[in-house]
All heavy atoms as atom14 arrays in JSON, in Angstrom:
{
  "sequence": "LQSKDGALITEDRAFAINGFEGQLVEAVACIARGEIE",
  "atom14_mask": [
    [1, 1, 1, 1, 1, 1, 1, 1, 0, 0, 0, 0, 0, 0],
    [1, 1, 1, 1, 1, 1, 1, 1, 1, 0, 0, 0, 0, 0],
    [1, 1, 1, 1, 1, 1, 0, 0, 0, 0, 0, 0, 0, 0],
    [1, 1, 1, 1, 1, 1, 1, 1, 1, 0, 0, 0, 0, 0],
    [1, 1, 1, 1, 1, 1, 1, 1, 0, 0, 0, 0, 0, 0],
    [1, 1, 1, 1, 0, 0, 0, 0, 0, 0, 0, 0, 0, 0],
    [1, 1, 1, 1, 1, 0, 0, 0, 0, 0, 0, 0, 0, 0],
    [1, 1, 1, 1, 1, 1, 1, 1, 0, 0, 0, 0, 0, 0],
    [1, 1, 1, 1, 1, 1, 1, 1, 0, 0, 0, 0, 0, 0],
    [1, 1, 1, 1, 1, 1, 1, 0, 0, 0, 0, 0, 0, 0],
    [1, 1, 1, 1, 1, 1, 1, 1, 1, 0, 0, 0, 0, 0],
    [1, 1, 1, 1, 1, 1, 1, 1, 0, 0, 0, 0, 0, 0],
    [1, 1, 1, 1, 1, 1, 1, 1, 1, 1, 1, 0, 0, 0],
    [1, 1, 1, 1, 1, 0, 0, 0, 0, 0, 0, 0, 0, 0],
    [1, 1, 1, 1, 1, 1, 1, 1, 1, 1, 1, 0, 0, 0],
    [1, 1, 1, 1, 1, 0, 0, 0, 0, 0, 0, 0, 0, 0],
    [1, 1, 1, 1, 1, 1, 1, 1, 0, 0, 0, 0, 0, 0],
    [1, 1, 1, 1, 1, 1, 1, 1, 0, 0, 0, 0, 0, 0],
    [1, 1, 1, 1, 0, 0, 0, 0, 0, 0, 0, 0, 0, 0],
    [1, 1, 1, 1, 1, 1, 1, 1, 1, 1, 1, 0, 0, 0],
    [1, 1, 1, 1, 1, 1, 1, 1, 1, 0, 0, 0, 0, 0],
    [1, 1, 1, 1, 0, 0, 0, 0, 0, 0, 0, 0, 0, 0],
    [1, 1, 1, 1, 1, 1, 1, 1, 1, 0, 0, 0, 0, 0],
    [1, 1, 1, 1, 1, 1, 1, 1, 0, 0, 0, 0, 0, 0],
    [1, 1, 1, 1, 1, 1, 1, 0, 0, 0, 0, 0, 0, 0],
    [1, 1, 1, 1, 1, 1, 1, 1, 1, 0, 0, 0, 0, 0],
    [1, 1, 1, 1, 1, 0, 0, 0, 0, 0, 0, 0, 0, 0],
    [1, 1, 1, 1, 1, 1, 1, 0, 0, 0, 0, 0, 0, 0],
    [1, 1, 1, 1, 1, 0, 0, 0, 0, 0, 0, 0, 0, 0],
    [1, 1, 1, 1, 1, 1, 0, 0, 0, 0, 0, 0, 0, 0],
    [1, 1, 1, 1, 1, 1, 1, 1, 0, 0, 0, 0, 0, 0],
    [1, 1, 1, 1, 1, 0, 0, 0, 0, 0, 0, 0, 0, 0],
    [1, 1, 1, 1, 1, 1, 1, 1, 1, 1, 1, 0, 0, 0],
    [1, 1, 1, 1, 0, 0, 0, 0, 0, 0, 0, 0, 0, 0],
    [1, 1, 1, 1, 1, 1, 1, 1, 1, 0, 0, 0, 0, 0],
    [1, 1, 1, 1, 1, 1, 1, 1, 0, 0, 0, 0, 0, 0],
    [1, 1, 1, 1, 1, 1, 1, 1, 1, 0, 0, 0, 0, 0]
  ],
  "atom14_positions": [
    [[2.69, 5.66, -15.43], [2.32, 7.06, -15.54], [2.74, 7.54, -16.92], [3.92, 7.52, -17.26], [3.02, 7.88, -14.46], [2.92, 9.41, -14.55], [1.48, 9.87, -14.42], [3.79, 10.06, -13.49], [0.0, 0.0, 0.0], [0.0, 0.0, 0.0], [0.0, 0.0, 0.0], [0.0, 0.0, 0.0], [0.0, 0.0, 0.0], [0.0, 0.0, 0.0]],
    [[1.76, 7.95, -17.72], [2.04, 8.45, -19.06], [1.72, 9.93, -19.11], [0.6, 10.34, -18.83], [1.23, 7.7, -20.11], [1.52, 8.16, -21.53], [0.79, 7.33, -22.58], [0.2, 6.3, -22.26], [0.84, 7.78, -23.83], [0.0, 0.0, 0.0], [0.0, 0.0, 0.0], [0.0, 0.0, 0.0], [0.0, 0.0, 0.0], [0.0, 0.0, 0.0]],
    [[2.7, 10.74, -19.45], [2.49, 12.19, -19.53], [1.91, 12.54, -20.89], [1.87, 11.72, -21.81], [3.82, 12.92, -19.32], [4.75, 12.58, -20.34], [0.0, 0.0, 0.0], [0.0, 0.0, 0.0], [0.0, 0.0, 0.0], [0.0, 0.0, 0.0], [0.0, 0.0, 0.0], [0.0, 0.0, 0.0], [0.0, 0.0, 0.0], [0.0, 0.0, 0.0]],
    [[1.47, 13.77, -21.04], [0.81, 14.19, -22.28], [1.74, 14.17, -23.49], [1.28, 14.1, -24.63], [0.2, 15.58, -22.11], [1.2, 16.69, -21.81], [0.47, 18.0, -21.63], [1.45, 19.14, -21.31], [0.74, 20.43, -21.13], [0.0, 0.0, 0.0], [0.0, 0.0, 0.0], [0.0, 0.0, 0.0], [0.0, 0.0, 0.0], [0.0, 0.0, 0.0]],
    [[3.07, 14.2, -23.23], [4.01, 14.13, -24.35], [4.39, 12.69, -24.7], [5.24, 12.45, -25.56], [5.27, 14.95, -24.05], [6.02, 14.43, -22.83], [5.63, 13.37, -22.29], [7.0, 15.08, -22.42], [0.0, 0.0, 0.0], [0.0, 0.0, 0.0], [0.0, 0.0, 0.0], [0.0, 0.0, 0.0], [0.0, 0.0, 0.0], [0.0, 0.0, 0.0]],
    [[3.75, 11.72, -24.03], [3.99, 10.32, -24.34], [5.03, 9.64, -23.49], [5.19, 8.42, -23.56], [0.0, 0.0, 0.0], [0.0, 0.0, 0.0], [0.0, 0.0, 0.0], [0.0, 0.0, 0.0], [0.0, 0.0, 0.0], [0.0, 0.0, 0.0], [0.0, 0.0, 0.0], [0.0, 0.0, 0.0], [0.0, 0.0, 0.0], [0.0, 0.0, 0.0]],
    [[5.76, 10.38, -22.67], [6.77, 9.78, -21.8], [6.1, 8.83, -20.81], [5.03, 9.13, -20.27], [7.55, 10.87, -21.06], [0.0, 0.0, 0.0], [0.0, 0.0, 0.0], [0.0, 0.0, 0.0], [0.0, 0.0, 0.0], [0.0, 0.0, 0.0], [0.0, 0.0, 0.0], [0.0, 0.0, 0.0], [0.0, 0.0, 0.0], [0.0, 0.0, 0.0]],
    [[6.74, 7.67, -20.57], [6.14, 6.63, -19.75], [7.05, 6.28, -18.58], [8.24, 6.03, -18.75], [5.89, 5.39, -20.59], [4.95, 4.33, -20.02], [3.54, 4.87, -19.93], [4.98, 3.08, -20.91], [0.0, 0.0, 0.0], [0.0, 0.0, 0.0], [0.0, 0.0, 0.0], [0.0, 0.0, 0.0], [0.0, 0.0, 0.0], [0.0, 0.0, 0.0]],
    [[6.47, 6.27, -17.37], [7.18, 5.83, -16.17], [6.46, 4.61, -15.62], [5.24, 4.63, -15.46], [7.2, 6.94, -15.1], [7.95, 8.18, -15.6], [7.82, 6.43, -13.8], [7.84, 9.37, -14.66], [0.0, 0.0, 0.0], [0.0, 0.0, 0.0], [0.0, 0.0, 0.0], [0.0, 0.0, 0.0], [0.0, 0.0, 0.0], [0.0, 0.0, 0.0]],
    [[7.21, 3.56, -15.36], [6.62, 2.34, -14.8], [7.24, 2.05, -13.45], [8.47, 2.1, -13.28], [6.86, 1.14, -15.72], [6.25, 1.39, -16.99], [6.27, -0.14, -15.13], [0.0, 0.0, 0.0], [0.0, 0.0, 0.0], [0.0, 0.0, 0.0], [0.0, 0.0, 0.0], [0.0, 0.0, 0.0], [0.0, 0.0, 0.0], [0.0, 0.0, 0.0]],
    [[6.41, 1.77, -12.46], [6.87, 1.44, -11.11], [6.33, 0.07, -10.71], [5.17, -0.25, -10.98], [6.39, 2.49, -10.1], [6.97, 3.87, -10.29], [8.42, 3.99, -9.83], [8.91, 3.02, -9.19], [9.03, 5.02, -10.11], [0.0, 0.0, 0.0], [0.0, 0.0, 0.0], [0.0, 0.0, 0.0], [0.0, 0.0, 0.0], [0.0, 0.0, 0.0]],
    [[7.2, -0.73, -10.09], [6.82, -2.05, -9.59], [7.03, -2.1, -8.08], [8.07, -1.65, -7.59], [7.66, -3.15, -10.25], [7.35, -3.3, -11.73], [6.33, -3.93, -12.05], [8.12, -2.78, -12.56], [0.0, 0.0, 0.0], [0.0, 0.0, 0.0], [0.0, 0.0, 0.0], [0.0, 0.0, 0.0], [0.0, 0.0, 0.0], [0.0, 0.0, 0.0]],
    [[6.07, -2.66, -7.38], [6.18, -2.85, -5.93], [5.62, -4.23, -5.58], [4.42, -4.47, -5.65], [5.39, -1.76, -5.17], [5.89, -0.35, -5.37], [7.24, -0.13, -4.71], [7.65, 1.27, -4.78], [8.24, 1.84, -5.81], [8.49, 1.11, -6.9], [8.58, 3.12, -5.79], [0.0, 0.0, 0.0], [0.0, 0.0, 0.0], [0.0, 0.0, 0.0]],
    [[6.5, -5.13, -5.22], [6.1, -6.5, -4.91], [5.44, -6.58, -3.53], [5.67, -5.73, -2.67], [7.31, -7.42, -4.96], [0.0, 0.0, 0.0], [0.0, 0.0, 0.0], [0.0, 0.0, 0.0], [0.0, 0.0, 0.0], [0.0, 0.0, 0.0], [0.0, 0.0, 0.0], [0.0, 0.0, 0.0], [0.0, 0.0, 0.0], [0.0, 0.0, 0.0]],
    [[4.63, -7.62, -3.33], [4.07, -7.88, -2.01], [5.18, -8.38, -1.08], [6.07, -9.11, -1.5], [3.01, -8.98, -2.07], [1.84, -8.69, -2.96], [1.15, -9.74, -3.55], [1.43, -7.4, -3.22], [0.06, -9.5, -4.37], [0.35, -7.14, -4.04], [-0.34, -8.2, -4.62], [0.0, 0.0, 0.0], [0.0, 0.0, 0.0], [0.0, 0.0, 0.0]],
    [[5.09, -8.03, 0.18], [6.0, -8.6, 1.17], [5.64, -10.06, 1.42], [6.52, -10.91, 1.62], [5.92, -7.81, 2.48], [0.0, 0.0, 0.0], [0.0, 0.0, 0.0], [0.0, 0.0, 0.0], [0.0, 0.0, 0.0], [0.0, 0.0, 0.0], [0.0, 0.0, 0.0], [0.0, 0.0, 0.0], [0.0, 0.0, 0.0], [0.0, 0.0, 0.0]],
    [[4.33, -10.37, 1.4], [3.87, -11.76, 1.6], [2.9, -12.12, 0.48], [3.29, -12.74, -0.5], [3.21, -11.94, 2.99], [4.21, -11.6, 4.1], [2.69, -13.38, 3.14], [3.62, -11.64, 5.51], [0.0, 0.0, 0.0], [0.0, 0.0, 0.0], [0.0, 0.0, 0.0], [0.0, 0.0, 0.0], [0.0, 0.0, 0.0], [0.0, 0.0, 0.0]],
    [[1.64, -11.73, 0.62], [0.66, -12.03, -0.42], [-0.31, -10.89, -0.66], [-1.32, -11.07, -1.34], [-0.1, -13.31, -0.06], [-0.88, -13.19, 1.25], [-1.11, -12.1, 1.76], [-1.28, -14.32, 1.81], [0.0, 0.0, 0.0], [0.0, 0.0, 0.0], [0.0, 0.0, 0.0], [0.0, 0.0, 0.0], [0.0, 0.0, 0.0], [0.0, 0.0, 0.0]],
    [[-0.03, -9.74, -0.12], [-0.89, -8.57, -0.3], [-1.81, -8.28, 0.86], [-2.24, -7.15, 1.05], [0.0, 0.0, 0.0], [0.0, 0.0, 0.0], [0.0, 0.0, 0.0], [0.0, 0.0, 0.0], [0.0, 0.0, 0.0], [0.0, 0.0, 0.0], [0.0, 0.0, 0.0], [0.0, 0.0, 0.0], [0.0, 0.0, 0.0], [0.0, 0.0, 0.0]],
    [[-2.1, -9.29, 1.67], [-2.99, -9.08, 2.82], [-2.27, -8.45, 4.0], [-2.92, -7.96, 4.93], [-3.6, -10.42, 3.25], [-4.98, -10.66, 2.73], [-5.32, -10.28, 1.43], [-5.95, -11.27, 3.5], [-6.59, -10.5, 0.93], [-7.23, -11.49, 3.02], [-7.55, -11.1, 1.73], [0.0, 0.0, 0.0], [0.0, 0.0, 0.0], [0.0, 0.0, 0.0]],
    [[-0.95, -8.46, 3.98], [-0.2, -8.02, 5.15], [-0.44, -6.55, 5.49], [-0.44, -6.17, 6.67], [1.3, -8.27, 4.96], [1.94, -7.57, 3.78], [1.82, -8.32, 2.47], [1.1, -9.35, 2.43], [2.44, -7.89, 1.48], [0.0, 0.0, 0.0], [0.0, 0.0, 0.0], [0.0, 0.0, 0.0], [0.0, 0.0, 0.0], [0.0, 0.0, 0.0]],
    [[-0.64, -5.71, 4.48], [-0.81, -4.28, 4.74], [-2.0, -3.97, 5.61], [-1.91, -3.18, 6.57], [0.0, 0.0, 0.0], [0.0, 0.0, 0.0], [0.0, 0.0, 0.0], [0.0, 0.0, 0.0], [0.0, 0.0, 0.0], [0.0, 0.0, 0.0], [0.0, 0.0, 0.0], [0.0, 0.0, 0.0], [0.0, 0.0, 0.0], [0.0, 0.0, 0.0]],
    [[-3.15, -4.56, 5.31], [-4.34, -4.29, 6.09], [-4.25, -4.89, 7.49], [-4.8, -4.34, 8.44], [-5.59, -4.79, 5.38], [-5.67, -6.29, 5.21], [-6.95, -6.73, 4.53], [-7.86, -5.93, 4.29], [-7.05, -8.01, 4.22], [0.0, 0.0, 0.0], [0.0, 0.0, 0.0], [0.0, 0.0, 0.0], [0.0, 0.0, 0.0], [0.0, 0.0, 0.0]],
    [[-3.52, -6.0, 7.64], [-3.37, -6.6, 8.97], [-2.49, -5.72, 9.86], [-2.81, -5.5, 11.03], [-2.76, -8.0, 8.86], [-3.59, -9.04, 8.13], [-2.9, -10.41, 8.16], [-4.97, -9.15, 8.72], [0.0, 0.0, 0.0], [0.0, 0.0, 0.0], [0.0, 0.0, 0.0], [0.0, 0.0, 0.0], [0.0, 0.0, 0.0], [0.0, 0.0, 0.0]],
    [[-1.4, -5.25, 9.31], [-0.52, -4.35, 10.06], [-1.28, -3.08, 10.44], [-1.17, -2.59, 11.57], [0.74, -4.01, 9.24], [1.54, -2.9, 9.91], [1.61, -5.25, 9.05], [0.0, 0.0, 0.0], [0.0, 0.0, 0.0], [0.0, 0.0, 0.0], [0.0, 0.0, 0.0], [0.0, 0.0, 0.0], [0.0, 0.0, 0.0], [0.0, 0.0, 0.0]],
    [[-2.08, -2.56, 9.52], [-2.86, -1.35, 9.79], [-3.86, -1.6, 10.91], [-3.99, -0.79, 11.84], [-3.6, -0.92, 8.52], [-4.65, 0.17, 8.72], [-4.07, 1.54, 9.01], [-2.83, 1.7, 8.96], [-4.87, 2.47, 9.27], [0.0, 0.0, 0.0], [0.0, 0.0, 0.0], [0.0, 0.0, 0.0], [0.0, 0.0, 0.0], [0.0, 0.0, 0.0]],
    [[-4.58, -2.7, 10.84], [-5.6, -2.99, 11.86], [-4.99, -3.13, 13.24], [-5.48, -2.55, 14.21], [-6.37, -4.25, 11.48], [0.0, 0.0, 0.0], [0.0, 0.0, 0.0], [0.0, 0.0, 0.0], [0.0, 0.0, 0.0], [0.0, 0.0, 0.0], [0.0, 0.0, 0.0], [0.0, 0.0, 0.0], [0.0, 0.0, 0.0], [0.0, 0.0, 0.0]],
    [[-3.91, -3.91, 13.34], [-3.28, -4.13, 14.64], [-2.71, -2.82, 15.2], [-2.8, -2.55, 16.4], [-2.19, -5.2, 14.53], [-1.36, -5.29, 15.82], [-2.82, -6.57, 14.23], [0.0, 0.0, 0.0], [0.0, 0.0, 0.0], [0.0, 0.0, 0.0], [0.0, 0.0, 0.0], [0.0, 0.0, 0.0], [0.0, 0.0, 0.0], [0.0, 0.0, 0.0]],
    [[-2.14, -1.98, 14.33], [-1.61, -0.7, 14.78], [-2.72, 0.21, 15.31], [-2.56, 0.87, 16.35], [-0.86, -0.01, 13.64], [0.0, 0.0, 0.0], [0.0, 0.0, 0.0], [0.0, 0.0, 0.0], [0.0, 0.0, 0.0], [0.0, 0.0, 0.0], [0.0, 0.0, 0.0], [0.0, 0.0, 0.0], [0.0, 0.0, 0.0], [0.0, 0.0, 0.0]],
    [[-3.84, 0.24, 14.62], [-4.98, 1.06, 15.07], [-5.5, 0.57, 16.42], [-5.78, 1.36, 17.32], [-6.1, 1.02, 14.03], [-5.77, 1.92, 12.5], [0.0, 0.0, 0.0], [0.0, 0.0, 0.0], [0.0, 0.0, 0.0], [0.0, 0.0, 0.0], [0.0, 0.0, 0.0], [0.0, 0.0, 0.0], [0.0, 0.0, 0.0], [0.0, 0.0, 0.0]],
    [[-5.62, -0.74, 16.55], [-6.12, -1.32, 17.8], [-5.17, -1.01, 18.94], [-5.6, -0.66, 20.05], [-6.31, -2.84, 17.63], [-7.44, -3.12, 16.62], [-6.63, -3.5, 18.98], [-7.49, -4.55, 16.14], [0.0, 0.0, 0.0], [0.0, 0.0, 0.0], [0.0, 0.0, 0.0], [0.0, 0.0, 0.0], [0.0, 0.0, 0.0], [0.0, 0.0, 0.0]],
    [[-3.86, -1.09, 18.69], [-2.86, -0.8, 19.73], [-2.95, 0.65, 20.2], [-2.67, 0.95, 21.37], [-1.46, -1.1, 19.19], [0.0, 0.0, 0.0], [0.0, 0.0, 0.0], [0.0, 0.0, 0.0], [0.0, 0.0, 0.0], [0.0, 0.0, 0.0], [0.0, 0.0, 0.0], [0.0, 0.0, 0.0], [0.0, 0.0, 0.0], [0.0, 0.0, 0.0]],
    [[-3.35, 1.54, 19.28], [-3.48, 2.96, 19.64], [-4.84, 3.27, 20.25], [-5.11, 4.43, 20.59], [-3.26, 3.83, 18.4], [-1.84, 3.79, 17.84], [-1.63, 4.89, 16.82], [-2.46, 4.71, 15.63], [-2.06, 4.12, 14.52], [-0.83, 3.61, 14.44], [-2.88, 4.01, 13.47], [0.0, 0.0, 0.0], [0.0, 0.0, 0.0], [0.0, 0.0, 0.0]],
    [[-5.71, 2.28, 20.37], [-7.02, 2.5, 20.94], [-8.01, 3.17, 20.0], [-9.01, 3.73, 20.44], [0.0, 0.0, 0.0], [0.0, 0.0, 0.0], [0.0, 0.0, 0.0], [0.0, 0.0, 0.0], [0.0, 0.0, 0.0], [0.0, 0.0, 0.0], [0.0, 0.0, 0.0], [0.0, 0.0, 0.0], [0.0, 0.0, 0.0], [0.0, 0.0, 0.0]],
    [[-7.74, 3.11, 18.71], [-8.62, 3.74, 17.72], [-9.74, 2.78, 17.32], [-9.57, 1.56, 17.35], [-7.81, 4.16, 16.5], [-6.75, 5.2, 16.83], [-5.75, 5.45, 15.72], [-5.8, 4.71, 14.7], [-4.91, 6.35, 15.86], [0.0, 0.0, 0.0], [0.0, 0.0, 0.0], [0.0, 0.0, 0.0], [0.0, 0.0, 0.0], [0.0, 0.0, 0.0]],
    [[-10.86, 3.33, 16.9], [-11.99, 2.48, 16.52], [-12.18, 2.42, 15.0], [-13.07, 1.71, 14.52], [-13.3, 2.93, 17.19], [-13.72, 4.31, 16.71], [-13.17, 2.89, 18.71], [-15.13, 4.71, 17.16], [0.0, 0.0, 0.0], [0.0, 0.0, 0.0], [0.0, 0.0, 0.0], [0.0, 0.0, 0.0], [0.0, 0.0, 0.0], [0.0, 0.0, 0.0]],
    [[-11.36, 3.12, 14.25], [-11.41, 3.04, 12.79], [-10.06, 3.37, 12.2], [-9.19, 3.94, 12.87], [-12.48, 3.96, 12.22], [-12.25, 5.43, 12.46], [-13.37, 6.31, 11.89], [-13.76, 6.1, 10.72], [-13.85, 7.19, 12.63], [0.0, 0.0, 0.0], [0.0, 0.0, 0.0], [0.0, 0.0, 0.0], [0.0, 0.0, 0.0], [0.0, 0.0, 0.0]]
  ]
}
């Protein structure tokens, strides 16, 4: 994130596994709640 005065903020967030885990957890949670999307 670079502000208009040039200040820079950098954030790093590693994968827990390989990046696919987020959508799998989301899908299973939605299915458990009986949601269709």
